[in-house]
Protein backbone atom coordinates (compact mmCIF):
# COMPACT_ATOMS: atom_id res chain seq x y z
CA MET A 1 -8.29 -24.23 -5.02
CA PRO A 2 -7.72 -20.79 -6.59
CA GLY A 3 -4.15 -19.92 -7.55
CA PHE A 4 -2.21 -17.44 -5.45
CA ASP A 5 0.75 -15.23 -6.41
CA PHE A 6 2.97 -13.33 -4.01
CA MET A 7 4.68 -10.65 -6.12
CA LEU A 8 7.67 -9.02 -4.43
CA PRO A 9 9.14 -5.87 -6.06
CA TYR A 10 12.60 -5.60 -4.51
CA TYR A 11 15.03 -2.74 -3.97
CA GLY A 12 17.02 -2.03 -0.84
CA ASP A 13 18.06 -3.96 2.26
CA VAL A 14 19.15 -7.52 1.43
CA LYS A 15 18.54 -9.08 4.84
CA GLN A 16 15.04 -7.64 5.19
CA MET A 17 14.19 -8.91 1.71
CA GLN A 18 15.48 -12.37 2.64
CA ASP A 19 13.37 -12.32 5.80
CA ALA A 20 10.33 -11.36 3.70
CA VAL A 21 10.98 -14.29 1.35
CA ARG A 22 11.39 -16.71 4.27
CA SER A 23 8.07 -15.54 5.71
CA VAL A 24 6.35 -16.45 2.43
CA LEU A 25 8.01 -19.87 2.30
CA ALA A 26 6.89 -20.54 5.89
CA GLN A 27 3.17 -20.42 5.03
CA THR A 28 1.04 -23.19 6.51
CA ASP A 29 -0.72 -23.36 3.14
CA PRO A 30 2.08 -24.27 0.69
CA ASP A 31 0.09 -23.76 -2.53
CA PHE A 32 1.42 -20.50 -3.98
CA ARG A 33 3.95 -18.91 -6.32
CA LEU A 34 6.46 -16.27 -5.22
CA VAL A 35 7.85 -13.96 -7.92
CA VAL A 36 10.67 -11.55 -7.00
CA ILE A 37 11.40 -8.65 -9.38
CA ASP A 38 14.80 -7.24 -8.44
CA ASP A 39 15.23 -3.56 -9.32
CA GLY A 40 18.65 -3.29 -7.65
CA ARG A 41 22.24 -4.42 -8.18
CA GLU A 42 23.30 -6.12 -4.94
CA PRO A 43 25.76 -8.78 -6.15
CA GLU A 44 24.88 -11.55 -3.71
CA VAL A 45 21.14 -11.59 -4.37
CA PRO A 46 20.91 -13.76 -7.54
CA GLY A 47 23.06 -16.48 -5.99
CA TRP A 48 20.98 -16.49 -2.81
CA PHE A 49 17.82 -17.19 -4.79
CA GLU A 50 19.54 -19.87 -6.84
CA GLN A 51 20.55 -21.77 -3.72
CA LEU A 52 16.99 -21.74 -2.36
CA GLY A 53 16.10 -24.52 -4.78
CA ASP A 54 12.34 -24.03 -4.28
CA PRO A 55 10.29 -24.50 -7.48
CA ARG A 56 7.61 -22.14 -6.15
CA VAL A 57 10.09 -19.22 -6.25
CA GLU A 58 10.81 -17.29 -9.45
CA TYR A 59 13.49 -14.58 -9.50
CA GLN A 60 14.45 -12.06 -12.14
CA ARG A 61 16.59 -8.93 -12.14
CA ASN A 62 15.65 -5.91 -14.23
CA GLU A 63 18.25 -4.98 -16.84
CA GLN A 64 17.74 -1.32 -15.93
CA ASN A 65 16.35 0.28 -12.80
CA LEU A 66 12.63 0.84 -13.39
CA GLY A 67 11.70 2.78 -10.26
CA ILE A 68 8.86 2.00 -7.91
CA THR A 69 5.80 2.58 -10.11
CA LYS A 70 7.08 0.76 -13.20
CA ASN A 71 8.33 -2.15 -11.08
CA PHE A 72 4.91 -2.37 -9.44
CA GLN A 73 3.31 -2.35 -12.89
CA LYS A 74 5.66 -5.12 -13.99
CA CYS A 75 4.67 -7.20 -10.98
CA VAL A 76 1.03 -6.85 -11.95
CA ARG A 77 1.73 -7.78 -15.59
CA LEU A 78 3.72 -10.87 -14.60
CA SER A 79 1.12 -12.10 -12.12
CA GLU A 80 -0.99 -15.02 -13.32
CA ALA A 81 -3.00 -16.28 -10.38
CA ASP A 82 -6.62 -15.80 -9.36
CA HIS A 83 -5.40 -13.74 -6.39
CA VAL A 84 -2.32 -11.58 -5.97
CA VAL A 85 -0.41 -9.89 -3.14
CA ILE A 86 2.16 -7.17 -3.95
CA MET A 87 4.03 -7.21 -0.68
CA GLY A 88 6.77 -4.89 0.47
CA CYS A 89 10.30 -6.29 0.32
CA ASP A 90 10.77 -5.47 4.01
CA ASP A 91 7.39 -6.68 5.28
CA LEU A 92 6.64 -10.05 6.86
CA LEU A 93 3.81 -12.55 6.59
CA HIS A 94 2.60 -14.50 9.56
CA PRO A 95 2.65 -18.24 8.75
CA HIS A 96 -1.15 -18.38 8.46
CA TYR A 97 -1.58 -15.37 6.13
CA LEU A 98 -2.55 -17.45 3.09
CA GLU A 99 -4.67 -19.89 5.09
CA THR A 100 -6.60 -17.00 6.64
CA VAL A 101 -7.11 -15.08 3.39
CA ARG A 102 -8.27 -18.18 1.57
CA GLY A 103 -10.86 -18.66 4.31
CA ILE A 104 -12.10 -15.08 3.78
CA LEU A 105 -12.27 -15.62 0.02
CA ALA A 106 -14.31 -18.77 0.56
CA GLU A 107 -16.82 -16.68 2.55
CA HIS A 108 -16.82 -13.88 -0.05
CA PRO A 109 -16.17 -15.44 -3.47
CA GLY A 110 -15.45 -12.91 -6.20
CA VAL A 111 -14.54 -10.04 -3.87
CA GLY A 112 -12.00 -7.67 -5.42
CA MET A 113 -9.85 -6.90 -2.37
CA VAL A 114 -9.12 -8.27 1.10
CA GLN A 115 -7.54 -6.11 3.80
CA PRO A 116 -6.39 -8.56 6.50
CA GLY A 117 -5.29 -7.79 10.04
CA VAL A 118 -1.97 -5.93 10.26
CA GLU A 119 0.64 -5.36 12.94
CA VAL A 120 3.13 -2.51 12.47
CA ILE A 121 6.81 -3.13 13.18
CA ASP A 122 9.86 -0.86 13.19
CA GLY A 123 13.18 -1.21 11.39
CA ARG A 124 14.35 -3.76 13.98
CA GLY A 125 11.22 -5.87 13.63
CA GLN A 126 9.69 -4.79 16.96
CA PRO A 127 5.99 -3.91 17.26
CA VAL A 128 5.50 -0.14 17.23
CA SER A 129 2.59 2.26 17.42
CA SER A 130 3.56 5.42 15.57
CA LEU A 131 1.55 8.63 15.44
CA VAL A 132 0.73 7.84 11.79
CA ASP A 133 -0.72 4.45 12.67
CA GLN A 134 -2.57 5.67 15.75
CA THR A 135 -4.17 8.38 13.61
CA LYS A 136 -5.09 5.88 10.91
CA ARG A 137 -6.82 3.58 13.32
CA ARG A 138 -8.46 6.08 15.65
CA LEU A 139 -9.54 8.80 13.23
CA TYR A 140 -9.91 7.24 9.80
CA ALA A 141 -10.32 3.46 9.82
CA PRO A 142 -13.92 2.23 10.07
CA LYS A 143 -14.97 0.39 13.19
CA VAL A 144 -14.92 -3.27 12.26
CA GLU A 145 -15.68 -6.13 14.61
CA GLY A 146 -14.53 -9.31 12.90
CA ARG A 147 -15.07 -8.94 9.17
CA ARG A 148 -16.95 -6.39 7.14
CA LEU A 149 -17.71 -6.08 3.41
CA MET A 150 -17.33 -2.50 2.14
CA GLY A 151 -17.46 -0.79 -1.23
CA GLY A 152 -18.92 2.01 -3.32
CA GLU A 153 -19.07 5.56 -2.10
CA GLU A 154 -18.83 4.50 1.55
CA LEU A 155 -15.35 3.05 1.14
CA ALA A 156 -14.24 5.66 -1.40
CA ALA A 157 -15.11 8.51 0.97
CA SER A 158 -13.41 6.70 3.84
CA VAL A 159 -10.04 6.17 2.13
CA LEU A 160 -10.05 9.59 0.45
CA ARG A 161 -10.57 11.24 3.81
CA GLY A 162 -7.60 9.30 5.19
CA ASN A 163 -5.94 6.26 3.63
CA TRP A 164 -6.04 3.79 6.51
CA LEU A 165 -5.25 0.76 4.33
CA TYR A 166 -1.96 -1.16 4.43
CA PHE A 167 -1.40 -1.64 0.71
CA PRO A 168 1.32 -4.36 0.80
CA SER A 169 -0.92 -6.60 2.91
CA ILE A 170 -3.92 -6.50 0.55
CA THR A 171 -4.97 -9.50 -1.51
CA TRP A 172 -6.30 -8.47 -4.95
CA ARG A 173 -8.43 -10.44 -7.36
CA GLY A 174 -5.99 -11.05 -10.17
CA ASP A 175 -8.15 -10.45 -13.23
CA VAL A 176 -9.34 -6.99 -12.20
CA LEU A 177 -5.89 -6.00 -10.92
CA ARG A 178 -4.33 -6.87 -14.28
CA THR A 179 -7.09 -4.97 -16.10
CA VAL A 180 -6.58 -1.73 -14.16
CA ASN A 181 -2.95 -1.76 -12.91
CA PHE A 182 -1.19 1.27 -11.38
CA ARG A 183 -1.46 4.69 -13.00
CA ASP A 184 1.68 5.99 -14.72
CA GLU A 185 1.36 9.51 -13.37
CA TYR A 186 1.73 8.69 -9.65
CA SER A 187 4.77 7.53 -7.69
CA VAL A 188 3.64 8.21 -4.10
CA ILE A 189 -0.13 7.94 -4.04
CA GLN A 190 -0.45 5.10 -6.57
CA ASP A 191 -1.85 2.63 -4.03
CA LEU A 192 -4.78 4.86 -3.08
CA ALA A 193 -5.42 5.60 -6.76
CA LEU A 194 -5.62 1.88 -7.54
CA VAL A 195 -8.13 1.18 -4.76
CA VAL A 196 -10.39 4.05 -5.84
CA ASP A 197 -10.17 2.96 -9.49
CA LEU A 198 -11.37 -0.51 -8.48
CA LEU A 199 -14.20 0.93 -6.38
CA GLU A 200 -15.35 2.92 -9.40
CA LEU A 201 -15.57 -0.37 -11.29
CA GLY A 202 -17.88 -1.76 -8.61
CA GLU A 203 -15.35 -3.88 -6.73
CA GLN A 204 -15.67 -4.41 -2.98
CA MET A 205 -13.28 -5.07 -0.11
CA VAL A 206 -13.46 -7.37 2.92
CA VAL A 207 -11.88 -5.71 5.95
CA ASP A 208 -10.78 -8.24 8.58
CA SER A 209 -9.90 -7.04 12.06
CA GLY A 210 -10.13 -10.39 13.79
CA THR A 211 -6.81 -12.05 12.93
CA THR A 212 -3.39 -10.40 12.54
CA VAL A 213 -1.56 -12.08 9.67
CA PHE A 214 0.80 -9.39 8.30
CA GLN A 215 3.64 -7.29 9.70
CA TYR A 216 4.01 -3.92 7.99
CA ARG A 217 7.40 -2.27 8.48
CA ARG A 218 7.25 1.43 9.36
CA HIS A 219 10.64 3.14 9.07
CA ALA A 220 11.28 6.32 11.03
CA VAL A 221 11.75 9.49 8.97
CA SER A 222 15.32 10.65 9.35
CA GLU A 223 15.79 14.21 10.50
CA SER A 224 18.77 14.36 8.14
CA SER A 225 16.67 13.52 5.08
CA VAL A 226 16.36 16.55 2.82
CA GLN A 227 13.72 14.98 0.59
CA ALA A 228 11.48 13.99 3.49
CA PHE A 229 10.89 17.61 4.44
CA SER A 230 10.92 19.18 0.97
CA GLY A 231 7.14 18.88 0.57
CA THR A 232 7.44 17.71 -3.04
CA ARG A 233 5.37 14.56 -2.45
CA PHE A 234 2.34 16.70 -1.62
CA ALA A 235 2.30 18.30 -5.07
CA GLU A 236 1.39 14.86 -6.44
CA ALA A 237 -1.25 14.44 -3.75
CA GLU A 238 -2.84 17.77 -4.65
CA ARG A 239 -3.02 16.78 -8.33
CA TYR A 240 -4.58 13.45 -7.46
CA PHE A 241 -7.18 14.76 -5.04
CA ALA A 242 -8.29 17.48 -7.46
CA ALA A 243 -8.69 14.97 -10.28
CA VAL A 244 -10.46 12.32 -8.23
CA ALA A 245 -12.83 14.88 -6.66
CA ALA A 246 -14.01 15.82 -10.13
CA ARG A 247 -14.57 12.14 -10.96
CA MET A 248 -16.50 11.58 -7.74
CA ASP A 249 -18.72 14.57 -8.54
CA ALA A 250 -19.39 13.22 -12.03
CA ARG A 251 -20.35 9.86 -10.51
CA GLY A 252 -22.70 11.52 -8.03
CA TRP A 253 -20.63 10.44 -5.03
CA SER A 254 -20.80 13.80 -3.28
CA ARG A 255 -19.45 12.57 0.08
CA ALA A 256 -16.43 11.05 -1.62
CA ALA A 257 -15.88 14.25 -3.60
CA ARG A 258 -15.92 16.34 -0.42
CA ALA A 259 -13.52 13.91 1.27
CA ALA A 260 -11.12 14.20 -1.68
CA ARG A 261 -11.23 17.99 -1.70
CA PHE A 262 -10.57 18.20 2.02
CA HIS A 263 -8.12 15.20 2.15
CA SER A 264 -7.76 15.75 5.87
CA ALA A 265 -5.19 13.01 6.58
CA SER A 266 -2.86 14.25 3.85
CA ARG A 267 -3.10 17.80 5.18
CA LEU A 268 -2.47 16.60 8.73
CA HIS A 269 0.57 14.67 7.52
CA ALA A 270 1.98 17.83 5.93
CA LEU A 271 1.35 19.71 9.16
CA THR A 272 3.34 17.16 11.17
CA MET A 273 6.26 17.56 8.75
CA LEU A 274 6.41 21.34 9.15
CA PRO A 275 8.53 21.44 12.35
CA GLY A 276 11.22 19.28 10.73
CA ALA A 277 11.32 21.50 7.65
CA ILE A 278 11.55 24.62 9.82
CA LYS A 279 14.30 23.04 11.93
CA ARG A 280 16.32 22.28 8.81
CA GLY A 281 15.79 25.76 7.37
CA GLN A 282 14.14 24.39 4.24
CA SER A 283 12.22 27.49 3.23
CA ASP A 284 10.81 25.96 0.03
CA GLY A 285 9.71 22.89 1.94
CA VAL A 286 8.06 25.02 4.63
CA ARG A 287 6.08 26.90 1.98
CA ARG A 288 4.97 23.71 0.21
CA LEU A 289 4.00 21.95 3.42
CA ALA A 290 2.14 24.96 4.77
CA ARG A 291 0.28 25.47 1.50
CA HIS A 292 -0.85 21.83 1.49
CA ALA A 293 -1.75 21.72 5.18
CA LEU A 294 -3.60 25.05 5.22
CA ALA A 295 -5.06 25.03 1.70
CA ARG A 296 -7.99 27.34 1.32
CA GLY A 297 -11.19 26.29 -0.36
CA ALA A 298 -11.20 22.72 0.93
CA GLY A 299 -14.72 21.78 1.90
CA ILE A 300 -15.25 20.02 5.21
CA SER A 301 -16.14 16.34 4.77
């Protein structure tokens, strides 16, 4: 049976992290390793892991805070198994996640990525259907009945138009993940960049809509958050989409290049953030968001 690593980069809420760990330990298939890389300083966390007493669980705390991208990269470097999940420290697995994914891998040996069925929950753990998730599923996600194998330009164009994937739920083939890893230059869009990098290498993804096995936690954006409405995250998105569009053109993937240049979901996201920035009087944020949402020269995909 192929080895399986759950890598958990941790920073933030202690209880939600503990719930995430318990959801891994509750798997119906017990053959896995869980590695927690703690990027925080909460004093009670090391002792909690020590008292678990489960040999499948490995815990380490970073000497210095690495930040999200470098901690993700560390998780990839420390992974060893044939297949790897880099789950969010506030997300939850259904008990049959591993059993279900192993069944998919048996049907599609060698596949680079598996996107299983996902349910979205809020900060209290209740199922929620946000505007973001409704848009993902209705406008951007492909229509999949059961399971579907996707790859190449078809999948690249689809995710560049609108990233409908739930990154923390994805199972990755370990060898190719460790070969590519996350790009240093991105801290917001690094998950999309990794998927496209793997597609350029010829990897494929199985999309499973038949069985929900993962709970992805969607936190509400606080109206009091200055950073949320500053628009700075979209500067990174613009750099990425410009660079990847050029690569898609060079590869001859013209549909994917057009999707990257138009990046409709990213522009729509910026548009939905505009009212909050205006309400807060963030003039710089309004300008950045408007520029991204209404960018001229974007070809229609």
